[in-house]
Amino acid sequence: MHYLLFYDVVDGYTEKRVPFRAAHLALARQAVARGDLVLGGALADPAGALLLFKGASPRVAEAFAEADPYVRNGLIKSWRVREWTTVVGPEASTRLTEM
């Protein structure tokens, strides 16, 4: 299954994240190496972030957020995980059958 992790960020997030960016990216790279994190990146206007996880449960995304230096240091106002039923593309978790 796929799970989307949404981050709502504080004002001035881009500047405030600088001291924590290396640790955040290291955590992300570890998640990629395990096969948990598929894609991640920033959203523009309004600022935020979105990360796509693959796993057996939403816990894979929740655990990432709980360990993330951005969350732990107050740069994330709120976060939420949503299950995403993917149906098209080579990585889709639920493939559509031909009609």
Protein backbone atom coordinates (compact mmCIF):
# COMPACT_ATOMS: atom_id res chain seq x y z
CA MET A 1 0.00 0.00 0.00
CA HIS A 2 0.97 3.62 -0.43
CA TYR A 3 0.73 6.31 2.22
CA LEU A 4 1.06 10.07 1.89
CA LEU A 5 2.61 12.04 4.73
CA PHE A 6 1.54 15.69 4.66
CA TYR A 7 3.48 18.34 6.58
CA ASP A 8 2.04 21.75 7.43
CA VAL A 9 5.04 23.97 8.15
CA VAL A 10 5.61 27.03 10.33
CA ASP A 11 6.15 30.49 8.93
CA GLY A 12 9.78 30.99 7.96
CA TYR A 13 10.21 27.23 7.53
CA THR A 14 12.80 27.51 4.76
CA GLU A 15 15.17 29.50 6.95
CA LYS A 16 14.38 27.67 10.19
CA ARG A 17 15.06 24.22 8.74
CA VAL A 18 18.72 24.94 7.94
CA PRO A 19 20.21 23.57 11.22
CA PHE A 20 18.13 20.37 10.92
CA ARG A 21 18.27 19.77 7.17
CA ALA A 22 21.24 17.37 7.12
CA ALA A 23 19.65 15.15 9.81
CA HIS A 24 16.26 15.27 8.04
CA LEU A 25 17.82 14.26 4.73
CA ALA A 26 19.82 11.48 6.40
CA LEU A 27 16.59 10.09 7.85
CA ALA A 28 14.97 10.31 4.42
CA ARG A 29 17.90 8.54 2.73
CA GLN A 30 17.72 5.73 5.29
CA ALA A 31 13.98 5.35 4.59
CA VAL A 32 14.70 5.22 0.84
CA ALA A 33 17.41 2.58 1.37
CA ARG A 34 14.92 0.41 3.32
CA GLY A 35 12.36 0.78 0.53
CA ASP A 36 9.92 2.71 2.74
CA LEU A 37 10.16 6.18 1.18
CA VAL A 38 9.40 6.43 -2.53
CA LEU A 39 9.40 10.20 -3.07
CA GLY A 40 9.51 13.31 -0.93
CA GLY A 41 9.71 17.03 -1.42
CA ALA A 42 8.49 20.51 -0.68
CA LEU A 43 5.20 22.05 -1.75
CA ALA A 44 5.08 25.65 -2.89
CA ASP A 45 2.62 28.39 -2.10
CA PRO A 46 1.52 27.68 0.55
CA ALA A 47 4.66 26.04 1.82
CA GLY A 48 4.47 22.46 3.03
CA ALA A 49 5.87 19.06 2.26
CA LEU A 50 4.62 15.73 0.95
CA LEU A 51 6.27 12.33 1.24
CA LEU A 52 5.13 9.10 -0.42
CA PHE A 53 5.70 5.88 1.51
CA LYS A 54 5.21 2.24 0.61
CA GLY A 55 4.50 -0.32 3.31
CA ALA A 56 2.14 -2.76 4.95
CA SER A 57 0.53 -0.10 7.16
CA PRO A 58 0.54 3.66 7.78
CA ARG A 59 2.97 3.03 10.62
CA VAL A 60 5.91 3.34 8.20
CA ALA A 61 5.01 7.00 7.51
CA GLU A 62 4.01 7.72 11.12
CA ALA A 63 7.34 6.41 12.42
CA PHE A 64 9.19 8.64 9.97
CA ALA A 65 7.31 11.73 11.15
CA GLU A 66 7.85 10.88 14.81
CA ALA A 67 11.62 10.60 14.23
CA ASP A 68 11.96 13.57 11.88
CA PRO A 69 14.11 16.43 13.24
CA TYR A 70 11.74 18.90 11.58
CA VAL A 71 8.84 17.56 13.63
CA ARG A 72 10.87 17.19 16.82
CA ASN A 73 12.12 20.77 16.60
CA GLY A 74 8.78 22.46 15.96
CA LEU A 75 9.10 23.23 12.26
CA ILE A 76 6.00 21.19 11.47
CA LYS A 77 2.74 22.65 12.79
CA SER A 78 0.86 19.46 12.03
CA TRP A 79 1.23 16.28 10.06
CA ARG A 80 -1.15 13.61 8.85
CA VAL A 81 -0.94 10.32 6.99
CA ARG A 82 -3.45 9.31 4.35
CA GLU A 83 -3.73 5.94 2.65
CA TRP A 84 -3.49 6.36 -1.12
CA THR A 85 -4.97 3.67 -3.33
CA THR A 86 -2.76 3.81 -6.41
CA VAL A 87 -4.19 2.21 -9.55
CA VAL A 88 -2.09 3.38 -12.50
CA GLY A 89 1.65 3.13 -13.05
CA PRO A 90 4.35 0.55 -12.54
CA GLU A 91 4.36 0.98 -8.74
CA ALA A 92 0.56 0.93 -8.33
CA SER A 93 -0.58 -1.11 -5.35
CA THR A 94 -3.99 -1.96 -6.84
CA ARG A 95 -3.80 -2.36 -10.59
CA LEU A 96 -6.83 -1.77 -12.76
CA THR A 97 -7.84 -4.68 -14.96
CA GLU A 98 -8.38 -4.23 -18.67
CA MET A 99 -11.96 -3.47 -19.67
